[in-house]
C-alpha atoms as a PDB file:
ATOM      1  CA  MET A   1      18.149 -16.419   9.855  1.00  0.00           C
ATOM      2  CA  SER A   2      15.546 -19.044   8.965  1.00  0.00           C
ATOM      3  CA  GLU A   3      13.217 -18.551   6.026  1.00  0.00           C
ATOM      4  CA  ALA A   4      10.297 -18.461   8.466  1.00  0.00           C
ATOM      5  CA  SER A   5      11.551 -15.114   9.750  1.00  0.00           C
ATOM      6  CA  LEU A   6      11.954 -13.441   6.343  1.00  0.00           C
ATOM      7  CA  GLU A   7       9.780 -10.543   5.204  1.00  0.00           C
ATOM      8  CA  ALA A   8       9.501  -8.560   1.984  1.00  0.00           C
ATOM      9  CA  ILE A   9       8.913  -4.834   2.433  1.00  0.00           C
ATOM     10  CA  PRO A  10       8.114  -2.676  -0.605  1.00  0.00           C
ATOM     11  CA  VAL A  11      10.194   0.486  -0.983  1.00  0.00           C
ATOM     12  CA  LEU A  12       8.198   2.916  -3.120  1.00  0.00           C
ATOM     13  CA  PRO A  13       9.052   6.324  -4.597  1.00  0.00           C
ATOM     14  CA  SER A  14       7.408   9.492  -3.286  1.00  0.00           C
ATOM     15  CA  LEU A  15       7.234  12.964  -4.832  1.00  0.00           C
ATOM     16  CA  SER A  16       6.595  14.455  -1.367  1.00  0.00           C
ATOM     17  CA  ILE A  17       7.184  12.664   1.916  1.00  0.00           C
ATOM     18  CA  GLU A  18       4.668  14.974   3.614  1.00  0.00           C
ATOM     19  CA  GLU A  19       1.913  14.225   1.053  1.00  0.00           C
ATOM     20  CA  THR A  20       2.689  10.518   1.198  1.00  0.00           C
ATOM     21  CA  ARG A  21       2.450  10.498   5.010  1.00  0.00           C
ATOM     22  CA  ALA A  22      -0.851  12.394   4.900  1.00  0.00           C
ATOM     23  CA  PHE A  23      -2.410   9.989   2.386  1.00  0.00           C
ATOM     24  CA  TYR A  24      -1.233   6.755   3.993  1.00  0.00           C
ATOM     25  CA  CYS A  25      -1.925   7.850   7.563  1.00  0.00           C
ATOM     26  CA  ASP A  26      -5.006  10.067   7.241  1.00  0.00           C
ATOM     27  CA  LYS A  27      -6.745   8.182   4.418  1.00  0.00           C
ATOM     28  CA  LEU A  28      -5.499   4.579   4.691  1.00  0.00           C
ATOM     29  CA  GLY A  29      -4.975   4.325   8.462  1.00  0.00           C
ATOM     30  CA  PHE A  30      -1.238   3.619   8.544  1.00  0.00           C
ATOM     31  CA  ASP A  31       0.988   4.759  11.421  1.00  0.00           C
ATOM     32  CA  ALA A  32       4.043   6.910  10.578  1.00  0.00           C
ATOM     33  CA  ARG A  33       5.732   6.855  13.961  1.00  0.00           C
ATOM     34  CA  LEU A  34       8.306   4.308  12.785  1.00  0.00           C
ATOM     35  CA  TYR A  35      10.594   6.719  10.926  1.00  0.00           C
ATOM     36  CA  GLU A  36      10.407   9.916   8.922  1.00  0.00           C
ATOM     37  CA  ASP A  37      12.857  12.489   7.640  1.00  0.00           C
ATOM     38  CA  GLU A  38      12.863  14.771   4.611  1.00  0.00           C
ATOM     39  CA  ASN A  39      13.945  11.922   2.295  1.00  0.00           C
ATOM     40  CA  TYR A  40      12.488   8.724   3.757  1.00  0.00           C
ATOM     41  CA  LEU A  41       9.281   7.492   5.395  1.00  0.00           C
ATOM     42  CA  ILE A  42       8.265   4.196   6.995  1.00  0.00           C
ATOM     43  CA  VAL A  43       4.587   3.478   7.666  1.00  0.00           C
ATOM     44  CA  ARG A  44       2.868   0.421   9.111  1.00  0.00           C
ATOM     45  CA  ARG A  45      -0.640  -0.859   9.549  1.00  0.00           C
ATOM     46  CA  GLY A  46      -0.856  -4.155  11.369  1.00  0.00           C
ATOM     47  CA  THR A  47       1.726  -6.410   9.739  1.00  0.00           C
ATOM     48  CA  VAL A  48       1.923  -4.351   6.517  1.00  0.00           C
ATOM     49  CA  GLU A  49       4.972  -2.084   6.362  1.00  0.00           C
ATOM     50  CA  LEU A  50       5.790   0.246   3.475  1.00  0.00           C
ATOM     51  CA  HIS A  51       8.883   2.385   2.924  1.00  0.00           C
ATOM     52  CA  PHE A  52       9.064   5.503   0.733  1.00  0.00           C
ATOM     53  CA  TRP A  53      12.049   7.388  -0.664  1.00  0.00           C
ATOM     54  CA  LEU A  54      11.948  10.887  -2.092  1.00  0.00           C
ATOM     55  CA  THR A  55      12.295  11.391  -5.846  1.00  0.00           C
ATOM     56  CA  ASP A  56      11.417  14.136  -8.315  1.00  0.00           C
ATOM     57  CA  GLU A  57      10.645  11.691 -11.153  1.00  0.00           C
ATOM     58  CA  ARG A  58       6.868  11.151 -11.372  1.00  0.00           C
ATOM     59  CA  ARG A  59       7.247   8.342 -13.910  1.00  0.00           C
ATOM     60  CA  LEU A  60       8.984   6.212 -11.270  1.00  0.00           C
ATOM     61  CA  CYS A  61       5.875   6.425  -9.090  1.00  0.00           C
ATOM     62  CA  GLU A  62       3.576   5.728 -12.016  1.00  0.00           C
ATOM     63  CA  MET A  63       5.529   2.561 -12.873  1.00  0.00           C
ATOM     64  CA  THR A  64       5.671   1.154  -9.328  1.00  0.00           C
ATOM     65  CA  SER A  65       3.330  -1.141  -7.417  1.00  0.00           C
ATOM     66  CA  ALA A  66       3.108  -3.300  -4.316  1.00  0.00           C
ATOM     67  CA  TYR A  67       0.913  -6.345  -3.690  1.00  0.00           C
ATOM     68  CA  ILE A  68      -0.641  -6.769  -0.239  1.00  0.00           C
ATOM     69  CA  ARG A  69      -2.219 -10.171   0.344  1.00  0.00           C
ATOM     70  CA  GLY A  70      -4.336 -11.580   3.163  1.00  0.00           C
ATOM     71  CA  GLU A  71      -7.845 -12.194   4.445  1.00  0.00           C
ATOM     72  CA  ALA A  72      -7.989  -8.760   6.159  1.00  0.00           C
ATOM     73  CA  ILE A  73      -8.178  -6.991   2.813  1.00  0.00           C
ATOM     74  CA  GLY A  74     -11.967  -7.494   2.781  1.00  0.00           C
ATOM     75  CA  ALA A  75     -12.318  -5.223   5.809  1.00  0.00           C
ATOM     76  CA  TRP A  76      -9.756  -2.777   4.371  1.00  0.00           C
ATOM     77  CA  HIS A  77     -11.741  -2.669   1.123  1.00  0.00           C
ATOM     78  CA  MET A  78     -14.975  -1.765   2.925  1.00  0.00           C
ATOM     79  CA  GLU A  79     -13.156   0.893   4.972  1.00  0.00           C
ATOM     80  CA  PHE A  80     -11.435   2.466   1.959  1.00  0.00           C
ATOM     81  CA  ARG A  81     -14.574   2.400  -0.238  1.00  0.00           C
ATOM     82  CA  ALA A  82     -16.526   4.167   2.525  1.00  0.00           C
ATOM     83  CA  LYS A  83     -13.954   6.962   2.121  1.00  0.00           C
ATOM     84  CA  GLY A  84     -14.257   6.903  -1.677  1.00  0.00           C
ATOM     85  CA  ILE A  85     -10.858   5.266  -2.141  1.00  0.00           C
ATOM     86  CA  GLY A  86     -10.069   2.274  -4.335  1.00  0.00           C
ATOM     87  CA  THR A  87     -11.699   0.159  -6.984  1.00  0.00           C
ATOM     88  CA  PRO A  88     -14.516  -2.353  -6.579  1.00  0.00           C
ATOM     89  CA  MET A  89     -13.441  -5.852  -5.542  1.00  0.00           C
ATOM     90  CA  SER A  90     -13.193  -8.281  -8.460  1.00  0.00           C
ATOM     91  CA  VAL A  91     -12.107 -11.874  -8.998  1.00  0.00           C
ATOM     92  CA  ARG A  92      -9.072 -12.096 -11.241  1.00  0.00           C
ATOM     93  CA  PRO A  93      -8.295 -14.989 -13.639  1.00  0.00           C
ATOM     94  CA  TRP A  94      -5.534 -16.233 -11.297  1.00  0.00           C
ATOM     95  CA  GLY A  95      -8.115 -16.972  -8.561  1.00  0.00           C
ATOM     96  CA  MET A  96      -7.553 -13.923  -6.360  1.00  0.00           C
ATOM     97  CA  GLU A  97     -10.206 -11.455  -5.256  1.00  0.00           C
ATOM     98  CA  GLU A  98      -8.578  -8.024  -5.603  1.00  0.00           C
ATOM     99  CA  PHE A  99      -8.984  -4.271  -5.426  1.00  0.00           C
ATOM    100  CA  TYR A 100      -6.604  -1.450  -6.276  1.00  0.00           C
ATOM    101  CA  VAL A 101      -5.626   1.926  -4.826  1.00  0.00           C
ATOM    102  CA  HIS A 102      -3.440   4.544  -6.498  1.00  0.00           C
ATOM    103  CA  ASP A 103      -1.702   6.935  -4.132  1.00  0.00           C
ATOM    104  CA  PRO A 104      -1.468  10.669  -4.981  1.00  0.00           C
ATOM    105  CA  HIS A 105       1.842  10.184  -6.812  1.00  0.00           C
ATOM    106  CA  GLY A 106       0.793   7.206  -8.915  1.00  0.00           C
ATOM    107  CA  ASN A 107       2.053   4.198  -6.937  1.00  0.00           C
ATOM    108  CA  LEU A 108      -0.351   1.278  -7.346  1.00  0.00           C
ATOM    109  CA  LEU A 109      -1.306  -0.768  -4.291  1.00  0.00           C
ATOM    110  CA  ARG A 110      -2.872  -4.082  -5.261  1.00  0.00           C
ATOM    111  CA  PHE A 111      -4.753  -5.878  -2.490  1.00  0.00           C
ATOM    112  CA  GLY A 112      -5.677  -9.544  -2.858  1.00  0.00           C
ATOM    113  CA  ARG A 113      -6.974 -12.610  -1.088  1.00  0.00           C
ATOM    114  CA  PRO A 114      -7.768 -16.122  -2.264  1.00  0.00           C
ATOM    115  CA  ARG A 115     -11.193 -16.334  -3.855  1.00  0.00           C
ATOM    116  CA  PRO A 116     -13.786 -17.319  -1.232  1.00  0.00           C
ATOM    117  CA  GLY A 117     -15.348 -20.758  -1.479  1.00  0.00           C
END
C-alpha cells in the first residue's frame, strides 16, 4: 500500500449508538448505511468517515476529539449554524480558521481550514 492511499479514520466512544446515529445523521447530515449494530456505528459524509464504539464511561467521550480539515468546512459551518449547532468560526494562532461541535455525549469535533488570503 502506498502512502497516497492511506487514510486516518477517528474511532470515537458513544454512550448510545442510537443517539449517536440520530445526531450525526439527522443533525449533521451523515449517512449511516455503512454499518451499524448494537455496539458499533460507521457514518460518512462525503469523504469524512467516523466510527463509534459503545461505552458506558461518559468521561471517555468528554476527553475525545477528532479534527476534520478541508475547504468544505465553510459550507458545513453555515449549514450547522443555521440549525443552531456549533461555535462561531474563528482564526486560531496556528493559522487555521476553525469551528467546534460537541456531540450529545461530549465528543468534540474540530473543523478547520487554512486561513483565507
